[in-house]
Amino acid sequence: MDLAGTYLVNTSDLDEAATILGSEFGTMRISRVNPQAPPWIRIWRTRVGPTTLDDCDIISDVRYEMDAPAGILVCRVRAGAVEFTAGESCRTFRRGDMVAVVGDGTAMTAVMREARCDLITVAPWLLTEMAAMDDESRCGTALNTFSDPISPSAQQQAADVIDHIRTFIANNPLAAHDPLVAGSAARYLVASILTAFPLEALAS
């Protein structure tokens, strides 16, 4: 059986990677952090309905400079370290951490050090649709560029759902390409994300 998905990026050419990723996440520049260690960027992309799951594998250390990212990106670090900087805010995340990166048009820098992480992008309309189904998914938390899960249990639930979706849905072309299965799985994933990161905290 063929695997669902394809490589979005699989290269050591940082200019090539910047061009491809810029069309997906916003204009960016990519550079080495350690000039002595040639980097390699591999990102395997699968789609489940209106969501994308990117399995990002960075060999060596790489810096991404983004002019004005937009939208919401959920990042789950599975190995290594990821450092995000926007204005005066600088946060470092390591294995086991999860963060929702809220792009508000401010320039942002990300440094990935021997990192393996999940990057999850959700269509904005689906976030709104799912949040409207449950008033309890809203809260009065102020907007944060880098939002933490509201609790360890909510984070673990989201992580478990990500693993389930990747293993049994995204990597199974029969399931990933079936509209009913993929649409239901995408809503299951978004529901778990909204449990960990209530919409009001992300988009107020």
N, C-alpha and C. Protein backbone atom coordinates (compact mmCIF):
# COMPACT_ATOMS: atom_id res chain seq x y z
N MET A 1 0.84 -1.20 0.00
CA MET A 1 0.00 0.00 0.00
C MET A 1 0.88 1.25 0.00
N ASP A 2 0.57 2.20 -0.86
CA ASP A 2 1.34 3.44 -0.90
C ASP A 2 1.04 4.28 0.33
N LEU A 3 2.05 5.01 0.78
CA LEU A 3 1.85 5.93 1.89
C LEU A 3 1.12 7.17 1.39
N ALA A 4 0.23 7.69 2.24
CA ALA A 4 -0.38 8.97 1.94
C ALA A 4 0.64 10.06 2.21
N GLY A 5 0.49 11.21 1.55
CA GLY A 5 1.38 12.33 1.81
C GLY A 5 2.58 12.36 0.88
N THR A 6 3.40 13.37 1.08
CA THR A 6 4.58 13.55 0.25
C THR A 6 5.54 14.48 0.97
N TYR A 7 6.79 14.53 0.49
CA TYR A 7 7.74 15.47 1.06
C TYR A 7 7.40 16.89 0.60
N LEU A 8 7.20 17.78 1.56
CA LEU A 8 7.06 19.19 1.24
C LEU A 8 8.45 19.77 0.98
N VAL A 9 9.42 19.37 1.80
CA VAL A 9 10.82 19.78 1.65
C VAL A 9 11.69 18.59 2.00
N ASN A 10 12.73 18.37 1.22
CA ASN A 10 13.72 17.34 1.53
C ASN A 10 15.02 17.76 0.88
N THR A 11 15.76 18.67 1.53
CA THR A 11 16.89 19.29 0.87
C THR A 11 17.89 19.88 1.87
N SER A 12 19.11 20.06 1.40
CA SER A 12 20.11 20.80 2.16
C SER A 12 20.27 22.22 1.60
N ASP A 13 19.55 22.52 0.53
CA ASP A 13 19.59 23.85 -0.09
C ASP A 13 18.63 24.76 0.66
N LEU A 14 19.16 25.63 1.49
CA LEU A 14 18.32 26.46 2.35
C LEU A 14 17.52 27.49 1.57
N ASP A 15 18.06 27.98 0.46
CA ASP A 15 17.29 28.91 -0.38
C ASP A 15 16.08 28.22 -1.00
N GLU A 16 16.29 26.99 -1.46
CA GLU A 16 15.17 26.22 -2.00
C GLU A 16 14.11 25.98 -0.94
N ALA A 17 14.55 25.61 0.26
CA ALA A 17 13.61 25.36 1.35
C ALA A 17 12.84 26.62 1.70
N ALA A 18 13.53 27.78 1.71
CA ALA A 18 12.87 29.05 2.06
C ALA A 18 11.79 29.40 1.04
N THR A 19 12.05 29.12 -0.23
CA THR A 19 11.07 29.41 -1.27
C THR A 19 9.83 28.54 -1.10
N ILE A 20 10.03 27.26 -0.86
CA ILE A 20 8.89 26.34 -0.70
C ILE A 20 8.11 26.66 0.56
N LEU A 21 8.81 26.81 1.67
CA LEU A 21 8.12 27.06 2.94
C LEU A 21 7.50 28.45 2.98
N GLY A 22 8.12 29.40 2.27
CA GLY A 22 7.56 30.75 2.23
C GLY A 22 6.19 30.78 1.61
N SER A 23 5.94 29.91 0.64
CA SER A 23 4.63 29.87 0.00
C SER A 23 3.58 29.24 0.91
N GLU A 24 4.03 28.49 1.93
CA GLU A 24 3.11 27.83 2.85
C GLU A 24 2.89 28.61 4.13
N PHE A 25 3.96 29.23 4.65
CA PHE A 25 3.89 29.85 5.97
C PHE A 25 4.16 31.35 5.97
N GLY A 26 4.49 31.93 4.82
CA GLY A 26 4.84 33.35 4.76
C GLY A 26 6.31 33.52 4.44
N THR A 27 6.65 34.66 3.83
CA THR A 27 8.01 34.93 3.38
C THR A 27 9.02 34.71 4.51
N MET A 28 10.09 33.99 4.18
CA MET A 28 11.09 33.71 5.21
C MET A 28 12.49 33.59 4.61
N ARG A 29 13.46 33.69 5.49
CA ARG A 29 14.86 33.46 5.15
C ARG A 29 15.38 32.37 6.10
N ILE A 30 16.17 31.46 5.57
CA ILE A 30 16.69 30.35 6.37
C ILE A 30 18.22 30.38 6.31
N SER A 31 18.85 30.24 7.47
CA SER A 31 20.31 30.26 7.53
C SER A 31 20.82 29.25 8.54
N ARG A 32 22.11 28.91 8.41
CA ARG A 32 22.74 28.01 9.38
C ARG A 32 23.00 28.74 10.69
N VAL A 33 22.86 28.03 11.78
CA VAL A 33 23.29 28.55 13.07
C VAL A 33 24.74 28.17 13.31
N ASN A 34 25.10 26.97 12.90
CA ASN A 34 26.47 26.47 13.03
C ASN A 34 27.06 26.33 11.63
N PRO A 35 27.96 27.23 11.22
CA PRO A 35 28.52 27.18 9.86
C PRO A 35 29.28 25.90 9.55
N GLN A 36 29.73 25.20 10.59
CA GLN A 36 30.53 24.00 10.38
C GLN A 36 29.69 22.74 10.15
N ALA A 37 28.38 22.83 10.41
CA ALA A 37 27.53 21.65 10.32
C ALA A 37 26.47 21.85 9.24
N PRO A 38 26.62 21.21 8.08
CA PRO A 38 25.63 21.35 7.01
C PRO A 38 24.26 20.84 7.46
N PRO A 39 23.23 21.66 7.30
CA PRO A 39 21.90 21.24 7.73
C PRO A 39 21.16 20.47 6.65
N TRP A 40 20.13 19.77 7.05
CA TRP A 40 19.21 19.13 6.11
C TRP A 40 17.80 19.31 6.67
N ILE A 41 16.88 19.70 5.82
CA ILE A 41 15.50 19.93 6.23
C ILE A 41 14.61 18.92 5.52
N ARG A 42 13.88 18.13 6.31
CA ARG A 42 12.92 17.19 5.76
C ARG A 42 11.56 17.44 6.40
N ILE A 43 10.56 17.64 5.58
CA ILE A 43 9.20 17.82 6.09
C ILE A 43 8.26 16.95 5.27
N TRP A 44 7.68 15.97 5.93
CA TRP A 44 6.71 15.08 5.29
C TRP A 44 5.31 15.59 5.59
N ARG A 45 4.55 15.90 4.55
CA ARG A 45 3.22 16.49 4.73
C ARG A 45 2.12 15.50 4.39
N THR A 46 1.17 15.41 5.31
CA THR A 46 -0.06 14.67 5.04
C THR A 46 -1.24 15.59 5.31
N ARG A 47 -2.32 15.34 4.62
CA ARG A 47 -3.53 16.14 4.79
C ARG A 47 -4.65 15.24 5.29
N VAL A 48 -5.41 15.76 6.25
CA VAL A 48 -6.59 15.07 6.74
C VAL A 48 -7.72 16.08 6.69
N GLY A 49 -8.52 16.00 5.63
CA GLY A 49 -9.56 17.00 5.45
C GLY A 49 -8.93 18.39 5.37
N PRO A 50 -9.50 19.37 6.08
CA PRO A 50 -8.98 20.74 6.02
C PRO A 50 -7.84 21.00 7.02
N THR A 51 -7.08 19.99 7.36
CA THR A 51 -5.93 20.15 8.25
C THR A 51 -4.70 19.56 7.57
N THR A 52 -3.53 20.11 7.92
CA THR A 52 -2.28 19.53 7.44
C THR A 52 -1.43 19.14 8.64
N LEU A 53 -0.77 18.00 8.52
CA LEU A 53 0.16 17.53 9.55
C LEU A 53 1.53 17.41 8.90
N ASP A 54 2.46 18.24 9.36
CA ASP A 54 3.82 18.23 8.85
C ASP A 54 4.74 17.59 9.88
N ASP A 55 5.42 16.53 9.45
CA ASP A 55 6.44 15.87 10.28
C ASP A 55 7.77 16.50 9.90
N CYS A 56 8.28 17.36 10.78
CA CYS A 56 9.45 18.20 10.48
C CYS A 56 10.69 17.61 11.15
N ASP A 57 11.72 17.35 10.36
CA ASP A 57 12.96 16.76 10.85
C ASP A 57 14.12 17.65 10.40
N ILE A 58 14.80 18.27 11.38
CA ILE A 58 15.89 19.21 11.09
C ILE A 58 17.20 18.61 11.57
N ILE A 59 18.13 18.36 10.64
CA ILE A 59 19.46 17.88 10.99
C ILE A 59 20.38 19.10 11.10
N SER A 60 21.10 19.21 12.20
CA SER A 60 21.91 20.37 12.55
C SER A 60 21.01 21.49 13.06
N ASP A 61 21.51 22.72 13.09
CA ASP A 61 20.78 23.86 13.66
C ASP A 61 20.47 24.87 12.56
N VAL A 62 19.21 25.30 12.50
CA VAL A 62 18.76 26.18 11.43
C VAL A 62 17.94 27.34 12.01
N ARG A 63 18.15 28.55 11.46
CA ARG A 63 17.39 29.72 11.87
C ARG A 63 16.42 30.13 10.76
N TYR A 64 15.16 30.32 11.13
CA TYR A 64 14.13 30.80 10.20
C TYR A 64 13.74 32.22 10.61
N GLU A 65 13.81 33.15 9.68
CA GLU A 65 13.37 34.52 9.92
C GLU A 65 12.15 34.77 9.05
N MET A 66 11.00 35.05 9.68
CA MET A 66 9.73 35.22 8.97
C MET A 66 9.26 36.66 9.08
N ASP A 67 8.94 37.26 7.95
CA ASP A 67 8.57 38.68 7.93
C ASP A 67 7.29 38.95 8.72
N ALA A 68 6.22 38.24 8.39
CA ALA A 68 4.94 38.51 9.04
C ALA A 68 4.04 37.29 8.94
N PRO A 69 4.33 36.25 9.72
CA PRO A 69 3.49 35.05 9.65
C PRO A 69 2.07 35.35 10.09
N ALA A 70 1.12 34.61 9.53
CA ALA A 70 -0.29 34.81 9.87
C ALA A 70 -0.91 33.46 10.23
N GLY A 71 -2.03 33.51 10.94
CA GLY A 71 -2.73 32.29 11.29
C GLY A 71 -2.22 31.66 12.57
N ILE A 72 -2.64 30.43 12.80
CA ILE A 72 -2.28 29.69 14.01
C ILE A 72 -1.62 28.38 13.62
N LEU A 73 -0.48 28.11 14.23
CA LEU A 73 0.27 26.89 13.96
C LEU A 73 0.53 26.20 15.29
N VAL A 74 0.15 24.94 15.42
CA VAL A 74 0.41 24.18 16.63
C VAL A 74 1.69 23.38 16.41
N CYS A 75 2.63 23.54 17.33
CA CYS A 75 3.92 22.87 17.23
C CYS A 75 4.10 21.95 18.44
N ARG A 76 4.36 20.70 18.17
CA ARG A 76 4.64 19.73 19.23
C ARG A 76 6.07 19.22 19.03
N VAL A 77 6.92 19.46 20.01
CA VAL A 77 8.33 19.10 19.89
C VAL A 77 8.51 17.65 20.34
N ARG A 78 9.06 16.84 19.46
CA ARG A 78 9.28 15.42 19.76
C ARG A 78 10.74 15.10 20.04
N ALA A 79 11.66 15.99 19.63
CA ALA A 79 13.09 15.82 19.90
C ALA A 79 13.78 17.15 19.68
N GLY A 80 14.94 17.33 20.31
CA GLY A 80 15.70 18.56 20.12
C GLY A 80 15.05 19.75 20.81
N ALA A 81 15.29 20.94 20.25
CA ALA A 81 14.76 22.17 20.86
C ALA A 81 14.35 23.14 19.76
N VAL A 82 13.31 23.93 20.07
CA VAL A 82 12.82 24.96 19.16
C VAL A 82 12.70 26.26 19.96
N GLU A 83 13.33 27.30 19.44
CA GLU A 83 13.29 28.61 20.11
C GLU A 83 12.54 29.60 19.21
N PHE A 84 11.50 30.23 19.76
CA PHE A 84 10.72 31.22 19.03
C PHE A 84 10.97 32.60 19.63
N THR A 85 11.13 33.59 18.77
CA THR A 85 11.31 34.97 19.22
C THR A 85 10.41 35.88 18.38
N ALA A 86 9.66 36.74 19.05
CA ALA A 86 8.83 37.75 18.39
C ALA A 86 8.83 38.99 19.27
N GLY A 87 9.40 40.09 18.77
CA GLY A 87 9.52 41.29 19.60
C GLY A 87 10.35 41.00 20.83
N GLU A 88 9.81 41.28 22.02
CA GLU A 88 10.53 41.05 23.26
C GLU A 88 10.26 39.67 23.84
N SER A 89 9.40 38.91 23.18
CA SER A 89 9.05 37.58 23.68
C SER A 89 9.95 36.53 23.07
N CYS A 90 10.58 35.73 23.94
CA CYS A 90 11.47 34.65 23.48
C CYS A 90 11.20 33.42 24.34
N ARG A 91 10.85 32.31 23.68
CA ARG A 91 10.53 31.08 24.40
C ARG A 91 11.27 29.91 23.77
N THR A 92 11.73 28.99 24.59
CA THR A 92 12.37 27.78 24.11
C THR A 92 11.54 26.58 24.52
N PHE A 93 11.31 25.67 23.58
CA PHE A 93 10.51 24.49 23.83
C PHE A 93 11.34 23.25 23.50
N ARG A 94 11.17 22.22 24.33
CA ARG A 94 11.95 21.00 24.16
C ARG A 94 11.03 19.78 24.10
N ARG A 95 11.63 18.63 24.00
CA ARG A 95 10.88 17.38 23.83
C ARG A 95 9.71 17.30 24.81
N GLY A 96 8.53 17.02 24.26
CA GLY A 96 7.34 16.89 25.08
C GLY A 96 6.51 18.16 25.18
N ASP A 97 7.09 19.29 24.80
CA ASP A 97 6.36 20.56 24.87
C ASP A 97 5.45 20.73 23.66
N MET A 98 4.39 21.52 23.86
CA MET A 98 3.48 21.87 22.79
C MET A 98 3.16 23.35 22.91
N VAL A 99 3.06 24.04 21.77
CA VAL A 99 2.79 25.48 21.78
C VAL A 99 1.95 25.83 20.57
N ALA A 100 1.04 26.78 20.75
CA ALA A 100 0.28 27.33 19.62
C ALA A 100 0.93 28.67 19.28
N VAL A 101 1.47 28.78 18.07
CA VAL A 101 2.12 30.00 17.62
C VAL A 101 1.08 30.84 16.87
N VAL A 102 0.80 32.02 17.42
CA VAL A 102 -0.23 32.89 16.86
C VAL A 102 0.44 33.97 16.03
N GLY A 103 0.29 33.89 14.71
CA GLY A 103 0.89 34.89 13.84
C GLY A 103 0.01 36.13 13.77
N ASP A 104 0.49 37.23 14.30
CA ASP A 104 -0.30 38.47 14.31
C ASP A 104 0.31 39.53 13.39
N GLY A 105 1.18 39.11 12.47
CA GLY A 105 1.80 40.06 11.56
C GLY A 105 3.13 40.58 12.03
N THR A 106 3.56 40.21 13.24
CA THR A 106 4.85 40.63 13.77
C THR A 106 5.95 39.72 13.25
N ALA A 107 7.08 40.29 12.89
CA ALA A 107 8.21 39.48 12.43
C ALA A 107 8.60 38.48 13.51
N MET A 108 9.01 37.30 13.10
CA MET A 108 9.29 36.22 14.04
C MET A 108 10.53 35.45 13.61
N THR A 109 11.26 34.94 14.59
CA THR A 109 12.42 34.09 14.33
C THR A 109 12.24 32.76 15.04
N ALA A 110 12.59 31.68 14.36
CA ALA A 110 12.57 30.36 14.97
C ALA A 110 13.91 29.70 14.74
N VAL A 111 14.50 29.18 15.81
CA VAL A 111 15.75 28.43 15.71
C VAL A 111 15.45 26.99 16.10
N MET A 112 15.73 26.07 15.20
CA MET A 112 15.51 24.65 15.46
C MET A 112 16.85 23.97 15.59
N ARG A 113 17.04 23.28 16.72
CA ARG A 113 18.32 22.63 17.01
C ARG A 113 18.10 21.12 17.05
N GLU A 114 18.58 20.44 15.98
CA GLU A 114 18.41 18.98 15.86
C GLU A 114 16.98 18.60 16.23
N ALA A 115 16.02 19.29 15.64
CA ALA A 115 14.64 19.19 16.08
C ALA A 115 13.81 18.23 15.24
N ARG A 116 12.92 17.55 15.90
CA ARG A 116 11.87 16.75 15.26
C ARG A 116 10.56 17.22 15.88
N CYS A 117 9.65 17.68 15.05
CA CYS A 117 8.42 18.20 15.60
C CYS A 117 7.24 18.02 14.65
N ASP A 118 6.05 18.05 15.23
CA ASP A 118 4.82 18.07 14.46
C ASP A 118 4.39 19.52 14.30
N LEU A 119 4.04 19.91 13.08
CA LEU A 119 3.48 21.22 12.81
C LEU A 119 2.08 21.00 12.25
N ILE A 120 1.07 21.52 12.93
CA ILE A 120 -0.31 21.28 12.54
C ILE A 120 -0.97 22.60 12.18
N THR A 121 -1.52 22.66 10.98
CA THR A 121 -2.22 23.84 10.49
C THR A 121 -3.67 23.47 10.25
N VAL A 122 -4.56 24.34 10.74
CA VAL A 122 -6.00 24.10 10.63
C VAL A 122 -6.64 25.25 9.87
N ALA A 123 -7.53 24.94 8.96
CA ALA A 123 -8.25 25.99 8.25
C ALA A 123 -9.02 26.85 9.26
N PRO A 124 -8.92 28.20 9.18
CA PRO A 124 -9.59 29.07 10.16
C PRO A 124 -11.08 28.81 10.28
N TRP A 125 -11.74 28.51 9.17
CA TRP A 125 -13.18 28.30 9.24
C TRP A 125 -13.54 27.08 10.09
N LEU A 126 -12.64 26.07 10.09
CA LEU A 126 -12.92 24.88 10.89
C LEU A 126 -12.74 25.16 12.38
N LEU A 127 -11.73 25.96 12.73
CA LEU A 127 -11.58 26.37 14.12
C LEU A 127 -12.83 27.08 14.62
N THR A 128 -13.35 28.01 13.83
CA THR A 128 -14.53 28.77 14.21
C THR A 128 -15.75 27.86 14.32
N GLU A 129 -15.90 26.97 13.35
CA GLU A 129 -17.04 26.04 13.35
C GLU A 129 -17.03 25.17 14.59
N MET A 130 -15.87 24.60 14.92
CA MET A 130 -15.79 23.70 16.06
C MET A 130 -16.00 24.44 17.38
N ALA A 131 -15.44 25.65 17.50
CA ALA A 131 -15.59 26.43 18.73
C ALA A 131 -17.04 26.81 18.95
N ALA A 132 -17.77 27.06 17.88
CA ALA A 132 -19.18 27.47 18.00
C ALA A 132 -20.05 26.34 18.55
N MET A 133 -19.57 25.10 18.48
CA MET A 133 -20.33 23.96 18.96
C MET A 133 -20.27 23.81 20.47
N ASP A 134 -19.33 24.51 21.11
CA ASP A 134 -19.13 24.34 22.55
C ASP A 134 -18.71 25.66 23.16
N ASP A 135 -19.62 26.32 23.85
CA ASP A 135 -19.30 27.61 24.46
C ASP A 135 -18.19 27.50 25.49
N GLU A 136 -18.01 26.30 26.07
CA GLU A 136 -16.98 26.14 27.09
C GLU A 136 -15.58 26.18 26.49
N SER A 137 -15.49 26.14 25.16
CA SER A 137 -14.17 26.20 24.54
C SER A 137 -13.63 27.62 24.52
N ARG A 138 -14.43 28.59 24.96
CA ARG A 138 -14.01 29.99 24.97
C ARG A 138 -13.65 30.41 26.38
N CYS A 139 -12.70 31.28 26.49
CA CYS A 139 -12.30 31.81 27.79
C CYS A 139 -11.79 33.21 27.60
N GLY A 140 -11.53 33.90 28.69
CA GLY A 140 -11.14 35.30 28.59
C GLY A 140 -9.65 35.53 28.62
N THR A 141 -8.87 34.52 28.33
CA THR A 141 -7.42 34.66 28.37
C THR A 141 -6.94 35.61 27.28
N ALA A 142 -5.99 36.46 27.60
CA ALA A 142 -5.48 37.43 26.63
C ALA A 142 -4.65 36.73 25.56
N LEU A 143 -4.57 37.39 24.40
CA LEU A 143 -3.81 36.86 23.28
C LEU A 143 -2.33 36.76 23.64
N ASN A 144 -1.75 35.62 23.32
CA ASN A 144 -0.31 35.41 23.48
C ASN A 144 0.26 34.97 22.14
N THR A 145 1.43 35.50 21.79
CA THR A 145 2.06 35.06 20.55
C THR A 145 2.40 33.58 20.63
N PHE A 146 2.84 33.13 21.81
CA PHE A 146 3.16 31.72 22.03
C PHE A 146 2.28 31.23 23.18
N SER A 147 1.20 30.53 22.86
CA SER A 147 0.23 30.12 23.87
C SER A 147 0.53 28.71 24.36
N ASP A 148 0.52 28.55 25.68
CA ASP A 148 0.74 27.24 26.29
C ASP A 148 -0.60 26.52 26.45
N PRO A 149 -0.59 25.18 26.50
CA PRO A 149 -1.82 24.43 26.80
C PRO A 149 -2.35 24.84 28.18
N ILE A 150 -3.66 24.75 28.34
CA ILE A 150 -4.25 25.20 29.60
C ILE A 150 -3.96 24.25 30.75
N SER A 151 -3.58 22.99 30.44
CA SER A 151 -3.25 22.03 31.50
C SER A 151 -2.45 20.88 30.91
N PRO A 152 -1.67 20.18 31.75
CA PRO A 152 -0.92 19.03 31.25
C PRO A 152 -1.83 17.94 30.68
N SER A 153 -3.00 17.73 31.31
CA SER A 153 -3.89 16.69 30.81
C SER A 153 -4.47 17.05 29.45
N ALA A 154 -4.78 18.33 29.24
CA ALA A 154 -5.29 18.77 27.93
C ALA A 154 -4.21 18.62 26.87
N GLN A 155 -2.96 18.93 27.23
CA GLN A 155 -1.85 18.75 26.29
C GLN A 155 -1.68 17.29 25.93
N GLN A 156 -1.74 16.41 26.92
CA GLN A 156 -1.55 14.98 26.66
C GLN A 156 -2.66 14.44 25.77
N GLN A 157 -3.89 14.92 26.00
CA GLN A 157 -4.99 14.48 25.15
C GLN A 157 -4.74 14.89 23.70
N ALA A 158 -4.31 16.14 23.49
CA ALA A 158 -4.04 16.61 22.13
C ALA A 158 -2.90 15.80 21.50
N ALA A 159 -1.85 15.51 22.28
CA ALA A 159 -0.72 14.73 21.76
C ALA A 159 -1.16 13.32 21.37
N ASP A 160 -2.01 12.71 22.20
CA ASP A 160 -2.50 11.36 21.89
C ASP A 160 -3.32 11.35 20.60
N VAL A 161 -4.12 12.39 20.41
CA VAL A 161 -4.95 12.47 19.21
C VAL A 161 -4.08 12.69 17.98
N ILE A 162 -3.05 13.53 18.10
CA ILE A 162 -2.12 13.74 16.98
C ILE A 162 -1.50 12.42 16.56
N ASP A 163 -1.03 11.63 17.55
CA ASP A 163 -0.41 10.34 17.24
C ASP A 163 -1.41 9.40 16.57
N HIS A 164 -2.63 9.40 17.07
CA HIS A 164 -3.65 8.52 16.51
C HIS A 164 -3.97 8.91 15.06
N ILE A 165 -4.16 10.21 14.83
CA ILE A 165 -4.49 10.68 13.49
C ILE A 165 -3.36 10.35 12.52
N ARG A 166 -2.10 10.59 12.93
CA ARG A 166 -0.97 10.34 12.04
C ARG A 166 -0.85 8.84 11.73
N THR A 167 -0.95 8.01 12.76
CA THR A 167 -0.70 6.58 12.59
C THR A 167 -1.81 5.87 11.83
N PHE A 168 -3.05 6.18 12.17
CA PHE A 168 -4.16 5.39 11.64
C PHE A 168 -4.97 6.08 10.54
N ILE A 169 -4.79 7.39 10.38
CA ILE A 169 -5.56 8.11 9.36
C ILE A 169 -4.63 8.71 8.31
N ALA A 170 -3.75 9.62 8.72
CA ALA A 170 -2.93 10.36 7.76
C ALA A 170 -2.04 9.47 6.92
N ASN A 171 -1.51 8.40 7.52
CA ASN A 171 -0.60 7.52 6.79
C ASN A 171 -1.30 6.34 6.12
N ASN A 172 -2.62 6.37 6.14
CA ASN A 172 -3.41 5.34 5.46
C ASN A 172 -4.18 6.01 4.33
N PRO A 173 -3.72 5.86 3.08
CA PRO A 173 -4.36 6.58 1.99
C PRO A 173 -5.83 6.24 1.81
N LEU A 174 -6.24 5.01 2.16
CA LEU A 174 -7.65 4.65 2.04
C LEU A 174 -8.51 5.47 2.99
N ALA A 175 -7.97 5.76 4.17
CA ALA A 175 -8.71 6.57 5.14
C ALA A 175 -8.55 8.06 4.87
N ALA A 176 -7.29 8.49 4.60
CA ALA A 176 -7.02 9.92 4.43
C ALA A 176 -7.74 10.50 3.23
N HIS A 177 -8.01 9.68 2.21
CA HIS A 177 -8.66 10.16 1.00
C HIS A 177 -10.17 9.94 0.99
N ASP A 178 -10.70 9.37 2.07
CA ASP A 178 -12.14 9.19 2.18
C ASP A 178 -12.74 10.42 2.86
N PRO A 179 -13.61 11.18 2.18
CA PRO A 179 -14.11 12.45 2.73
C PRO A 179 -14.77 12.30 4.10
N LEU A 180 -15.56 11.24 4.28
CA LEU A 180 -16.25 11.08 5.56
C LEU A 180 -15.27 10.81 6.69
N VAL A 181 -14.33 9.89 6.45
CA VAL A 181 -13.34 9.56 7.48
C VAL A 181 -12.43 10.76 7.75
N ALA A 182 -11.91 11.38 6.69
CA ALA A 182 -10.98 12.49 6.86
C ALA A 182 -11.65 13.68 7.53
N GLY A 183 -12.88 13.99 7.13
CA GLY A 183 -13.59 15.12 7.74
C GLY A 183 -13.85 14.90 9.22
N SER A 184 -14.26 13.68 9.58
CA SER A 184 -14.51 13.36 10.98
C SER A 184 -13.22 13.40 11.79
N ALA A 185 -12.13 12.86 11.21
CA ALA A 185 -10.84 12.85 11.90
C ALA A 185 -10.33 14.27 12.12
N ALA A 186 -10.51 15.14 11.11
CA ALA A 186 -10.07 16.53 11.25
C ALA A 186 -10.80 17.22 12.39
N ARG A 187 -12.10 16.97 12.51
CA ARG A 187 -12.87 17.59 13.60
C ARG A 187 -12.47 17.04 14.96
N TYR A 188 -12.14 15.77 15.01
CA TYR A 188 -11.63 15.15 16.23
C TYR A 188 -10.31 15.81 16.64
N LEU A 189 -9.44 16.03 15.67
CA LEU A 189 -8.15 16.68 15.94
C LEU A 189 -8.36 18.12 16.42
N VAL A 190 -9.21 18.86 15.73
CA VAL A 190 -9.44 20.26 16.11
C VAL A 190 -10.09 20.35 17.49
N ALA A 191 -10.99 19.43 17.80
CA ALA A 191 -11.61 19.44 19.12
C ALA A 191 -10.57 19.27 20.22
N SER A 192 -9.60 18.40 19.99
CA SER A 192 -8.56 18.19 21.00
C SER A 192 -7.66 19.41 21.12
N ILE A 193 -7.40 20.07 19.98
CA ILE A 193 -6.58 21.29 20.00
C ILE A 193 -7.30 22.40 20.76
N LEU A 194 -8.62 22.52 20.53
CA LEU A 194 -9.38 23.56 21.23
C LEU A 194 -9.51 23.27 22.72
N THR A 195 -9.42 22.00 23.11
CA THR A 195 -9.41 21.66 24.53
C THR A 195 -8.12 22.15 25.18
N ALA A 196 -7.02 22.00 24.45
CA ALA A 196 -5.72 22.43 24.99
C ALA A 196 -5.50 23.93 24.84
N PHE A 197 -6.01 24.50 23.73
CA PHE A 197 -5.83 25.92 23.43
C PHE A 197 -7.18 26.52 23.07
N PRO A 198 -7.97 26.96 24.07
CA PRO A 198 -9.30 27.53 23.77
C PRO A 198 -9.20 28.66 22.73
N LEU A 199 -10.16 28.71 21.82
CA LEU A 199 -10.09 29.64 20.71
C LEU A 199 -9.97 31.08 21.17
N GLU A 200 -10.70 31.44 22.23
CA GLU A 200 -10.66 32.83 22.70
C GLU A 200 -9.25 33.24 23.09
N ALA A 201 -8.49 32.27 23.62
CA ALA A 201 -7.11 32.57 24.01
C ALA A 201 -6.21 32.78 22.79
N LEU A 202 -6.61 32.21 21.65
CA LEU A 202 -5.80 32.30 20.46
C LEU A 202 -6.17 33.48 19.58
N ALA A 203 -7.45 33.81 19.52
CA ALA A 203 -7.90 34.74 18.49
C ALA A 203 -8.64 35.96 19.02
N SER A 204 -8.54 36.27 20.31
CA SER A 204 -9.25 37.42 20.85
C SER A 204 -8.58 38.72 20.43
